[in-house]
PDB file of all heavy atoms in Angstrom:
ATOM      1  N   HIS A   1     -22.660   3.230 -15.984  1.00  0.00           N
ATOM      2  CA  HIS A   1     -24.092   3.101 -16.234  1.00  0.00           C
ATOM      3  C   HIS A   1     -24.673   4.512 -16.176  1.00  0.00           C
ATOM      4  O   HIS A   1     -24.396   5.259 -15.243  1.00  0.00           O
ATOM      5  CB  HIS A   1     -24.693   2.211 -15.140  1.00  0.00           C
ATOM      6  CG  HIS A   1     -26.145   1.902 -15.340  1.00  0.00           C
ATOM      7  ND1 HIS A   1     -27.148   2.795 -15.035  1.00  0.00           N
ATOM      8  CD2 HIS A   1     -26.768   0.777 -15.816  1.00  0.00           C
ATOM      9  CE1 HIS A   1     -28.320   2.251 -15.305  1.00  0.00           C
ATOM     10  NE2 HIS A   1     -28.123   1.023 -15.788  1.00  0.00           N
ATOM     11  N   ALA A   2     -25.474   4.864 -17.176  1.00  0.00           N
ATOM     12  CA  ALA A   2     -25.950   6.246 -17.277  1.00  0.00           C
ATOM     13  C   ALA A   2     -26.674   6.712 -16.014  1.00  0.00           C
ATOM     14  O   ALA A   2     -26.555   7.853 -15.600  1.00  0.00           O
ATOM     15  CB  ALA A   2     -26.871   6.382 -18.484  1.00  0.00           C
ATOM     16  N   VAL A   3     -27.431   5.803 -15.361  1.00  0.00           N
ATOM     17  CA  VAL A   3     -28.196   6.210 -14.177  1.00  0.00           C
ATOM     18  C   VAL A   3     -27.465   5.868 -12.886  1.00  0.00           C
ATOM     19  O   VAL A   3     -27.333   6.687 -11.982  1.00  0.00           O
ATOM     20  CB  VAL A   3     -29.590   5.529 -14.175  1.00  0.00           C
ATOM     21  CG1 VAL A   3     -30.367   5.935 -12.920  1.00  0.00           C
ATOM     22  CG2 VAL A   3     -30.354   5.885 -15.440  1.00  0.00           C
ATOM     23  N   ASP A   4     -26.984   4.639 -12.808  1.00  0.00           N
ATOM     24  CA  ASP A   4     -26.479   4.141 -11.517  1.00  0.00           C
ATOM     25  C   ASP A   4     -25.044   4.539 -11.186  1.00  0.00           C
ATOM     26  O   ASP A   4     -24.592   4.339 -10.060  1.00  0.00           O
ATOM     27  CB  ASP A   4     -26.582   2.602 -11.471  1.00  0.00           C
ATOM     28  CG  ASP A   4     -28.050   2.157 -11.436  1.00  0.00           C
ATOM     29  OD1 ASP A   4     -28.901   3.063 -11.278  1.00  0.00           O
ATOM     30  OD2 ASP A   4     -28.313   0.955 -11.571  1.00  0.00           O
ATOM     31  N   SER A   5     -24.285   5.048 -12.137  1.00  0.00           N
ATOM     32  CA  SER A   5     -22.890   5.404 -11.821  1.00  0.00           C
ATOM     33  C   SER A   5     -22.825   6.737 -11.089  1.00  0.00           C
ATOM     34  O   SER A   5     -23.542   7.680 -11.434  1.00  0.00           O
ATOM     35  CB  SER A   5     -22.051   5.485 -13.098  1.00  0.00           C
ATOM     36  OG  SER A   5     -21.788   4.170 -13.546  1.00  0.00           O
ATOM     37  N   SER A   6     -21.955   6.796 -10.078  1.00  0.00           N
ATOM     38  CA  SER A   6     -21.746   8.049  -9.331  1.00  0.00           C
ATOM     39  C   SER A   6     -20.310   8.038  -8.831  1.00  0.00           C
ATOM     40  O   SER A   6     -19.633   7.013  -8.871  1.00  0.00           O
ATOM     41  CB  SER A   6     -22.703   8.109  -8.138  1.00  0.00           C
ATOM     42  OG  SER A   6     -22.367   7.039  -7.255  1.00  0.00           O
ATOM     43  N   ALA A   7     -19.868   9.197  -8.339  1.00  0.00           N
ATOM     44  CA  ALA A   7     -18.490   9.297  -7.814  1.00  0.00           C
ATOM     45  C   ALA A   7     -18.305   8.285  -6.686  1.00  0.00           C
ATOM     46  O   ALA A   7     -17.286   7.601  -6.598  1.00  0.00           O
ATOM     47  CB  ALA A   7     -18.211  10.713  -7.318  1.00  0.00           C
ATOM     48  N   ILE A   8     -19.310   8.186  -5.839  1.00  0.00           N
ATOM     49  CA  ILE A   8     -19.224   7.272  -4.685  1.00  0.00           C
ATOM     50  C   ILE A   8     -19.048   5.830  -5.149  1.00  0.00           C
ATOM     51  O   ILE A   8     -18.237   5.076  -4.611  1.00  0.00           O
ATOM     52  CB  ILE A   8     -20.499   7.453  -3.814  1.00  0.00           C
ATOM     53  CG1 ILE A   8     -20.276   8.235  -2.549  1.00  0.00           C
ATOM     54  CG2 ILE A   8     -21.160   6.154  -3.445  1.00  0.00           C
ATOM     55  CD1 ILE A   8     -19.297   8.149  -1.575  1.00  0.00           C
ATOM     56  N   ALA A   9     -19.772   5.451  -6.200  1.00  0.00           N
ATOM     57  CA  ALA A   9     -19.677   4.074  -6.696  1.00  0.00           C
ATOM     58  C   ALA A   9     -18.256   3.772  -7.170  1.00  0.00           C
ATOM     59  O   ALA A   9     -17.701   2.698  -6.897  1.00  0.00           O
ATOM     60  CB  ALA A   9     -20.666   3.875  -7.831  1.00  0.00           C
ATOM     61  N   PHE A  10     -17.641   4.737  -7.879  1.00  0.00           N
ATOM     62  CA  PHE A  10     -16.277   4.498  -8.376  1.00  0.00           C
ATOM     63  C   PHE A  10     -15.250   4.500  -7.229  1.00  0.00           C
ATOM     64  O   PHE A  10     -14.255   3.775  -7.275  1.00  0.00           O
ATOM     65  CB  PHE A  10     -15.915   5.528  -9.452  1.00  0.00           C
ATOM     66  CG  PHE A  10     -16.406   5.113 -10.821  1.00  0.00           C
ATOM     67  CD1 PHE A  10     -17.563   5.664 -11.363  1.00  0.00           C
ATOM     68  CD2 PHE A  10     -15.732   4.139 -11.545  1.00  0.00           C
ATOM     69  CE1 PHE A  10     -18.037   5.253 -12.605  1.00  0.00           C
ATOM     70  CE2 PHE A  10     -16.195   3.726 -12.795  1.00  0.00           C
ATOM     71  CZ  PHE A  10     -17.345   4.276 -13.325  1.00  0.00           C
ATOM     72  N   GLU A  11     -15.510   5.316  -6.217  1.00  0.00           N
ATOM     73  CA  GLU A  11     -14.587   5.335  -5.068  1.00  0.00           C
ATOM     74  C   GLU A  11     -14.613   3.974  -4.360  1.00  0.00           C
ATOM     75  O   GLU A  11     -13.578   3.403  -4.015  1.00  0.00           O
ATOM     76  CB  GLU A  11     -14.979   6.460  -4.093  1.00  0.00           C
ATOM     77  CG  GLU A  11     -13.918   6.707  -3.029  1.00  0.00           C
ATOM     78  CD  GLU A  11     -14.325   7.805  -2.048  1.00  0.00           C
ATOM     79  OE1 GLU A  11     -14.949   8.820  -2.453  1.00  0.00           O
ATOM     80  OE2 GLU A  11     -14.024   7.634  -0.859  1.00  0.00           O
ATOM     81  N   ILE A  12     -15.837   3.431  -4.191  1.00  0.00           N
ATOM     82  CA  ILE A  12     -15.970   2.116  -3.530  1.00  0.00           C
ATOM     83  C   ILE A  12     -15.311   1.031  -4.386  1.00  0.00           C
ATOM     84  O   ILE A  12     -14.625   0.137  -3.886  1.00  0.00           O
ATOM     85  CB  ILE A  12     -17.461   1.791  -3.268  1.00  0.00           C
ATOM     86  CG1 ILE A  12     -18.030   2.763  -2.225  1.00  0.00           C
ATOM     87  CG2 ILE A  12     -17.616   0.347  -2.777  1.00  0.00           C
ATOM     88  CD1 ILE A  12     -19.534   2.703  -2.043  1.00  0.00           C
ATOM     89  N   ALA A  13     -15.458   1.160  -5.714  1.00  0.00           N
ATOM     90  CA  ALA A  13     -14.838   0.194  -6.631  1.00  0.00           C
ATOM     91  C   ALA A  13     -13.314   0.193  -6.451  1.00  0.00           C
ATOM     92  O   ALA A  13     -12.669  -0.861  -6.409  1.00  0.00           O
ATOM     93  CB  ALA A  13     -15.203   0.531  -8.072  1.00  0.00           C
ATOM     94  N   ALA A  14     -12.741   1.412  -6.334  1.00  0.00           N
ATOM     95  CA  ALA A  14     -11.281   1.525  -6.194  1.00  0.00           C
ATOM     96  C   ALA A  14     -10.816   0.871  -4.891  1.00  0.00           C
ATOM     97  O   ALA A  14      -9.787   0.187  -4.848  1.00  0.00           O
ATOM     98  CB  ALA A  14     -10.862   2.992  -6.243  1.00  0.00           C
ATOM     99  N   LYS A  15     -11.577   1.068  -3.802  1.00  0.00           N
ATOM    100  CA  LYS A  15     -11.197   0.474  -2.514  1.00  0.00           C
ATOM    101  C   LYS A  15     -11.208  -1.046  -2.601  1.00  0.00           C
ATOM    102  O   LYS A  15     -10.308  -1.731  -2.119  1.00  0.00           O
ATOM    103  CB  LYS A  15     -12.152   0.940  -1.399  1.00  0.00           C
ATOM    104  CG  LYS A  15     -11.932   2.395  -1.005  1.00  0.00           C
ATOM    105  CD  LYS A  15     -12.892   2.823   0.098  1.00  0.00           C
ATOM    106  CE  LYS A  15     -12.603   4.254   0.534  1.00  0.00           C
ATOM    107  NZ  LYS A  15     -13.554   4.737   1.516  1.00  0.00           N
ATOM    108  N   GLY A  16     -12.272  -1.581  -3.261  1.00  0.00           N
ATOM    109  CA  GLY A  16     -12.362  -3.033  -3.421  1.00  0.00           C
ATOM    110  C   GLY A  16     -11.213  -3.551  -4.277  1.00  0.00           C
ATOM    111  O   GLY A  16     -10.628  -4.608  -4.008  1.00  0.00           O
ATOM    112  N   ALA A  17     -10.871  -2.767  -5.313  1.00  0.00           N
ATOM    113  CA  ALA A  17      -9.792  -3.162  -6.219  1.00  0.00           C
ATOM    114  C   ALA A  17      -8.458  -3.259  -5.460  1.00  0.00           C
ATOM    115  O   ALA A  17      -7.670  -4.181  -5.689  1.00  0.00           O
ATOM    116  CB  ALA A  17      -9.678  -2.147  -7.349  1.00  0.00           C
ATOM    117  N   PHE A  18      -8.223  -2.311  -4.569  1.00  0.00           N
ATOM    118  CA  PHE A  18      -6.970  -2.301  -3.791  1.00  0.00           C
ATOM    119  C   PHE A  18      -6.869  -3.587  -2.963  1.00  0.00           C
ATOM    120  O   PHE A  18      -5.862  -4.290  -2.998  1.00  0.00           O
ATOM    121  CB  PHE A  18      -6.959  -1.058  -2.877  1.00  0.00           C
ATOM    122  CG  PHE A  18      -5.714  -0.905  -2.037  1.00  0.00           C
ATOM    123  CD1 PHE A  18      -4.643  -0.152  -2.495  1.00  0.00           C
ATOM    124  CD2 PHE A  18      -5.610  -1.514  -0.779  1.00  0.00           C
ATOM    125  CE1 PHE A  18      -3.503  -0.003  -1.716  1.00  0.00           C
ATOM    126  CE2 PHE A  18      -4.471  -1.369  -0.002  1.00  0.00           C
ATOM    127  CZ  PHE A  18      -3.408  -0.606  -0.467  1.00  0.00           C
ATOM    128  N   ARG A  19      -7.972  -3.922  -2.263  1.00  0.00           N
ATOM    129  CA  ARG A  19      -7.965  -5.122  -1.408  1.00  0.00           C
ATOM    130  C   ARG A  19      -7.775  -6.393  -2.233  1.00  0.00           C
ATOM    131  O   ARG A  19      -7.125  -7.327  -1.816  1.00  0.00           O
ATOM    132  CB  ARG A  19      -9.273  -5.204  -0.612  1.00  0.00           C
ATOM    133  CG  ARG A  19      -9.261  -4.345   0.643  1.00  0.00           C
ATOM    134  CD  ARG A  19     -10.440  -4.696   1.552  1.00  0.00           C
ATOM    135  NE  ARG A  19     -11.720  -4.307   0.926  1.00  0.00           N
ATOM    136  CZ  ARG A  19     -12.313  -3.134   1.138  1.00  0.00           C
ATOM    137  NH1 ARG A  19     -11.771  -2.260   1.953  1.00  0.00           N
ATOM    138  NH2 ARG A  19     -13.462  -2.853   0.543  1.00  0.00           N
ATOM    139  N   GLN A  20      -8.344  -6.368  -3.443  1.00  0.00           N
ATOM    140  CA  GLN A  20      -8.296  -7.560  -4.296  1.00  0.00           C
ATOM    141  C   GLN A  20      -6.896  -7.761  -4.901  1.00  0.00           C
ATOM    142  O   GLN A  20      -6.403  -8.884  -4.982  1.00  0.00           O
ATOM    143  CB  GLN A  20      -9.339  -7.397  -5.415  1.00  0.00           C
ATOM    144  CG  GLN A  20      -9.234  -8.420  -6.541  1.00  0.00           C
ATOM    145  CD  GLN A  20     -10.288  -8.148  -7.616  1.00  0.00           C
ATOM    146  OE1 GLN A  20     -11.487  -8.204  -7.353  1.00  0.00           O
ATOM    147  NE2 GLN A  20      -9.843  -7.844  -8.836  1.00  0.00           N
ATOM    148  N   SER A  21      -6.263  -6.649  -5.325  1.00  0.00           N
ATOM    149  CA  SER A  21      -5.047  -6.790  -6.136  1.00  0.00           C
ATOM    150  C   SER A  21      -3.737  -6.712  -5.354  1.00  0.00           C
ATOM    151  O   SER A  21      -2.732  -7.251  -5.815  1.00  0.00           O
ATOM    152  CB  SER A  21      -5.020  -5.708  -7.221  1.00  0.00           C
ATOM    153  OG  SER A  21      -6.191  -5.800  -7.994  1.00  0.00           O
ATOM    154  N   MET A  22      -3.733  -6.018  -4.225  1.00  0.00           N
ATOM    155  CA  MET A  22      -2.452  -5.840  -3.523  1.00  0.00           C
ATOM    156  C   MET A  22      -1.798  -7.176  -3.143  1.00  0.00           C
ATOM    157  O   MET A  22      -0.606  -7.371  -3.358  1.00  0.00           O
ATOM    158  CB  MET A  22      -2.615  -4.960  -2.266  1.00  0.00           C
ATOM    159  CG  MET A  22      -2.815  -3.505  -2.576  1.00  0.00           C
ATOM    160  SD  MET A  22      -1.551  -2.780  -3.606  1.00  0.00           S
ATOM    161  CE  MET A  22      -0.449  -2.175  -2.365  1.00  0.00           C
ATOM    162  N   PRO A  23      -2.556  -8.147  -2.590  1.00  0.00           N
ATOM    163  CA  PRO A  23      -1.909  -9.418  -2.243  1.00  0.00           C
ATOM    164  C   PRO A  23      -1.322 -10.123  -3.479  1.00  0.00           C
ATOM    165  O   PRO A  23      -0.313 -10.807  -3.384  1.00  0.00           O
ATOM    166  CB  PRO A  23      -3.046 -10.247  -1.631  1.00  0.00           C
ATOM    167  CG  PRO A  23      -4.040  -9.235  -1.156  1.00  0.00           C
ATOM    168  CD  PRO A  23      -3.961  -8.107  -2.139  1.00  0.00           C
ATOM    169  N   LYS A  24      -1.954  -9.891  -4.673  1.00  0.00           N
ATOM    170  CA  LYS A  24      -1.445 -10.526  -5.902  1.00  0.00           C
ATOM    171  C   LYS A  24      -0.138  -9.875  -6.354  1.00  0.00           C
ATOM    172  O   LYS A  24       0.613 -10.446  -7.136  1.00  0.00           O
ATOM    173  CB  LYS A  24      -2.471 -10.380  -7.044  1.00  0.00           C
ATOM    174  CG  LYS A  24      -3.826 -11.028  -6.806  1.00  0.00           C
ATOM    175  CD  LYS A  24      -4.695 -10.780  -8.042  1.00  0.00           C
ATOM    176  CE  LYS A  24      -6.159 -11.151  -7.781  1.00  0.00           C
ATOM    177  NZ  LYS A  24      -7.015 -10.733  -8.891  1.00  0.00           N
ATOM    178  N   ALA A  25       0.088  -8.613  -5.907  1.00  0.00           N
ATOM    179  CA  ALA A  25       1.233  -7.842  -6.419  1.00  0.00           C
ATOM    180  C   ALA A  25       2.501  -8.088  -5.591  1.00  0.00           C
ATOM    181  O   ALA A  25       3.432  -7.276  -5.618  1.00  0.00           O
ATOM    182  CB  ALA A  25       0.886  -6.360  -6.442  1.00  0.00           C
ATOM    183  N   GLY A  26       2.519  -9.194  -4.833  1.00  0.00           N
ATOM    184  CA  GLY A  26       3.732  -9.504  -4.056  1.00  0.00           C
ATOM    185  C   GLY A  26       3.968  -8.491  -2.944  1.00  0.00           C
ATOM    186  O   GLY A  26       5.033  -7.876  -2.863  1.00  0.00           O
ATOM    187  N   ALA A  27       2.956  -8.279  -2.086  1.00  0.00           N
ATOM    188  CA  ALA A  27       3.101  -7.301  -0.986  1.00  0.00           C
ATOM    189  C   ALA A  27       4.280  -7.692  -0.099  1.00  0.00           C
ATOM    190  O   ALA A  27       4.546  -8.879   0.121  1.00  0.00           O
ATOM    191  CB  ALA A  27       1.813  -7.262  -0.176  1.00  0.00           C
ATOM    192  N   GLN A  28       4.962  -6.666   0.407  1.00  0.00           N
ATOM    193  CA  GLN A  28       6.195  -6.924   1.156  1.00  0.00           C
ATOM    194  C   GLN A  28       6.323  -5.921   2.302  1.00  0.00           C
ATOM    195  O   GLN A  28       5.913  -4.771   2.167  1.00  0.00           O
ATOM    196  CB  GLN A  28       7.359  -6.745   0.176  1.00  0.00           C
ATOM    197  CG  GLN A  28       8.708  -7.052   0.750  1.00  0.00           C
ATOM    198  CD  GLN A  28       9.792  -6.741  -0.271  1.00  0.00           C
ATOM    199  OE1 GLN A  28       9.826  -5.655  -0.818  1.00  0.00           O
ATOM    200  NE2 GLN A  28      10.665  -7.700  -0.514  1.00  0.00           N
ATOM    201  N   LEU A  29       6.917  -6.386   3.415  1.00  0.00           N
ATOM    202  CA  LEU A  29       7.100  -5.513   4.585  1.00  0.00           C
ATOM    203  C   LEU A  29       8.466  -4.817   4.495  1.00  0.00           C
ATOM    204  O   LEU A  29       9.463  -5.451   4.152  1.00  0.00           O
ATOM    205  CB  LEU A  29       7.040  -6.372   5.856  1.00  0.00           C
ATOM    206  CG  LEU A  29       6.669  -5.642   7.146  1.00  0.00           C
ATOM    207  CD1 LEU A  29       5.272  -5.050   7.038  1.00  0.00           C
ATOM    208  CD2 LEU A  29       6.726  -6.609   8.328  1.00  0.00           C
ATOM    209  N   LEU A  30       8.496  -3.509   4.803  1.00  0.00           N
ATOM    210  CA  LEU A  30       9.767  -2.758   4.817  1.00  0.00           C
ATOM    211  C   LEU A  30      10.092  -2.371   6.259  1.00  0.00           C
ATOM    212  O   LEU A  30       9.190  -2.090   7.044  1.00  0.00           O
ATOM    213  CB  LEU A  30       9.627  -1.465   4.005  1.00  0.00           C
ATOM    214  CG  LEU A  30       9.280  -1.598   2.527  1.00  0.00           C
ATOM    215  CD1 LEU A  30       9.096  -0.209   1.925  1.00  0.00           C
ATOM    216  CD2 LEU A  30      10.374  -2.341   1.784  1.00  0.00           C
ATOM    217  N   GLU A  31      11.385  -2.326   6.583  1.00  0.00           N
ATOM    218  CA  GLU A  31      11.754  -1.894   7.936  1.00  0.00           C
ATOM    219  C   GLU A  31      12.716  -0.709   7.858  1.00  0.00           C
ATOM    220  O   GLU A  31      13.466  -0.566   6.891  1.00  0.00           O
ATOM    221  CB  GLU A  31      12.410  -3.047   8.712  1.00  0.00           C
ATOM    222  CG  GLU A  31      13.675  -3.567   8.077  1.00  0.00           C
ATOM    223  CD  GLU A  31      14.265  -4.749   8.841  1.00  0.00           C
ATOM    224  OE1 GLU A  31      13.797  -5.023   9.961  1.00  0.00           O
ATOM    225  OE2 GLU A  31      15.179  -5.372   8.317  1.00  0.00           O
ATOM    226  N   PRO A  32      12.680   0.171   8.896  1.00  0.00           N
ATOM    227  CA  PRO A  32      13.592   1.315   8.885  1.00  0.00           C
ATOM    228  C   PRO A  32      15.028   0.857   9.149  1.00  0.00           C
ATOM    229  O   PRO A  32      15.271   0.075  10.067  1.00  0.00           O
ATOM    230  CB  PRO A  32      13.081   2.199  10.024  1.00  0.00           C
ATOM    231  CG  PRO A  32      12.237   1.324  10.868  1.00  0.00           C
ATOM    232  CD  PRO A  32      11.784   0.165  10.043  1.00  0.00           C
ATOM    233  N   ILE A  33      15.950   1.322   8.320  1.00  0.00           N
ATOM    234  CA  ILE A  33      17.372   1.004   8.500  1.00  0.00           C
ATOM    235  C   ILE A  33      18.054   2.248   9.068  1.00  0.00           C
ATOM    236  O   ILE A  33      17.845   3.365   8.579  1.00  0.00           O
ATOM    237  CB  ILE A  33      18.019   0.626   7.147  1.00  0.00           C
ATOM    238  CG1 ILE A  33      17.278  -0.548   6.515  1.00  0.00           C
ATOM    239  CG2 ILE A  33      19.500   0.307   7.328  1.00  0.00           C
ATOM    240  CD1 ILE A  33      17.391  -1.859   7.241  1.00  0.00           C
ATOM    241  N   MET A  34      18.845   2.053  10.106  1.00  0.00           N
ATOM    242  CA  MET A  34      19.508   3.174  10.764  1.00  0.00           C
ATOM    243  C   MET A  34      20.970   3.240  10.354  1.00  0.00           C
ATOM    244  O   MET A  34      21.625   2.215  10.165  1.00  0.00           O
ATOM    245  CB  MET A  34      19.439   3.022  12.291  1.00  0.00           C
ATOM    246  CG  MET A  34      18.055   2.775  12.829  1.00  0.00           C
ATOM    247  SD  MET A  34      16.870   4.027  12.347  1.00  0.00           S
ATOM    248  CE  MET A  34      17.256   5.326  13.509  1.00  0.00           C
ATOM    249  N   HIS A  35      21.456   4.472  10.228  1.00  0.00           N
ATOM    250  CA  HIS A  35      22.881   4.650   9.984  1.00  0.00           C
ATOM    251  C   HIS A  35      23.545   4.726  11.364  1.00  0.00           C
ATOM    252  O   HIS A  35      23.291   5.652  12.122  1.00  0.00           O
ATOM    253  CB  HIS A  35      23.091   5.942   9.211  1.00  0.00           C
ATOM    254  CG  HIS A  35      24.513   6.159   8.858  1.00  0.00           C
ATOM    255  ND1 HIS A  35      25.158   5.375   7.943  1.00  0.00           N
ATOM    256  CD2 HIS A  35      25.430   7.016   9.343  1.00  0.00           C
ATOM    257  CE1 HIS A  35      26.421   5.761   7.875  1.00  0.00           C
ATOM    258  NE2 HIS A  35      26.604   6.744   8.713  1.00  0.00           N
ATOM    259  N   VAL A  36      24.348   3.739  11.704  1.00  0.00           N
ATOM    260  CA  VAL A  36      24.913   3.636  13.060  1.00  0.00           C
ATOM    261  C   VAL A  36      26.407   3.937  13.024  1.00  0.00           C
ATOM    262  O   VAL A  36      27.127   3.430  12.163  1.00  0.00           O
ATOM    263  CB  VAL A  36      24.674   2.212  13.630  1.00  0.00           C
ATOM    264  CG1 VAL A  36      25.244   2.094  15.031  1.00  0.00           C
ATOM    265  CG2 VAL A  36      23.192   1.888  13.642  1.00  0.00           C
ATOM    266  N   ASP A  37      26.839   4.784  13.954  1.00  0.00           N
ATOM    267  CA  ASP A  37      28.250   5.181  14.027  1.00  0.00           C
ATOM    268  C   ASP A  37      28.753   4.764  15.411  1.00  0.00           C
ATOM    269  O   ASP A  37      28.334   5.321  16.416  1.00  0.00           O
ATOM    270  CB  ASP A  37      28.299   6.711  13.869  1.00  0.00           C
ATOM    271  CG  ASP A  37      29.698   7.223  13.655  1.00  0.00           C
ATOM    272  OD1 ASP A  37      30.646   6.461  13.915  1.00  0.00           O
ATOM    273  OD2 ASP A  37      29.851   8.389  13.240  1.00  0.00           O
ATOM    274  N   VAL A  38      29.610   3.738  15.453  1.00  0.00           N
ATOM    275  CA  VAL A  38      30.045   3.197  16.749  1.00  0.00           C
ATOM    276  C   VAL A  38      31.499   3.566  17.000  1.00  0.00           C
ATOM    277  O   VAL A  38      32.336   3.462  16.100  1.00  0.00           O
ATOM    278  CB  VAL A  38      29.923   1.652  16.792  1.00  0.00           C
ATOM    279  CG1 VAL A  38      30.226   1.116  18.176  1.00  0.00           C
ATOM    280  CG2 VAL A  38      28.541   1.211  16.361  1.00  0.00           C
ATOM    281  N   PHE A  39      31.779   4.011  18.230  1.00  0.00           N
ATOM    282  CA  PHE A  39      33.168   4.269  18.609  1.00  0.00           C
ATOM    283  C   PHE A  39      33.600   3.154  19.563  1.00  0.00           C
ATOM    284  O   PHE A  39      32.953   2.915  20.565  1.00  0.00           O
ATOM    285  CB  PHE A  39      33.262   5.631  19.308  1.00  0.00           C
ATOM    286  CG  PHE A  39      34.632   5.917  19.819  1.00  0.00           C
ATOM    287  CD1 PHE A  39      35.613   6.402  18.968  1.00  0.00           C
ATOM    288  CD2 PHE A  39      34.968   5.660  21.136  1.00  0.00           C
ATOM    289  CE1 PHE A  39      36.895   6.640  19.427  1.00  0.00           C
ATOM    290  CE2 PHE A  39      36.245   5.884  21.599  1.00  0.00           C
ATOM    291  CZ  PHE A  39      37.213   6.376  20.743  1.00  0.00           C
ATOM    292  N   SER A  40      34.686   2.459  19.214  1.00  0.00           N
ATOM    293  CA  SER A  40      35.108   1.318  20.035  1.00  0.00           C
ATOM    294  C   SER A  40      36.615   1.375  20.286  1.00  0.00           C
ATOM    295  O   SER A  40      37.366   1.765  19.398  1.00  0.00           O
ATOM    296  CB  SER A  40      34.763   0.016  19.292  1.00  0.00           C
ATOM    297  OG  SER A  40      35.552  -1.047  19.793  1.00  0.00           O
ATOM    298  N   PRO A  41      37.066   0.996  21.494  1.00  0.00           N
ATOM    299  CA  PRO A  41      38.504   0.864  21.717  1.00  0.00           C
ATOM    300  C   PRO A  41      39.057  -0.231  20.796  1.00  0.00           C
ATOM    301  O   PRO A  41      38.327  -1.163  20.444  1.00  0.00           O
ATOM    302  CB  PRO A  41      38.612   0.427  23.183  1.00  0.00           C
ATOM    303  CG  PRO A  41      37.285   0.694  23.773  1.00  0.00           C
ATOM    304  CD  PRO A  41      36.277   0.650  22.673  1.00  0.00           C
ATOM    305  N   GLU A  42      40.334  -0.103  20.409  1.00  0.00           N
ATOM    306  CA  GLU A  42      40.905  -1.053  19.441  1.00  0.00           C
ATOM    307  C   GLU A  42      40.758  -2.512  19.863  1.00  0.00           C
ATOM    308  O   GLU A  42      40.481  -3.385  19.054  1.00  0.00           O
ATOM    309  CB  GLU A  42      42.375  -0.722  19.204  1.00  0.00           C
ATOM    310  CG  GLU A  42      42.529   0.306  18.096  1.00  0.00           C
ATOM    311  CD  GLU A  42      43.973   0.709  17.871  1.00  0.00           C
ATOM    312  OE1 GLU A  42      44.842  -0.163  18.003  1.00  0.00           O
ATOM    313  OE2 GLU A  42      44.198   1.890  17.568  1.00  0.00           O
TER     314      GLU A  42
END
């Protein structure tokens, strides 16, 4: 909008967009995997 648009307005739009779309995009939890080296008697 020639008068009402501003950088702040678009930044707020992007934040709202993130909240709206992320759950639709199949959000998923990741966990850290460790490389483990075990020494064991036979």
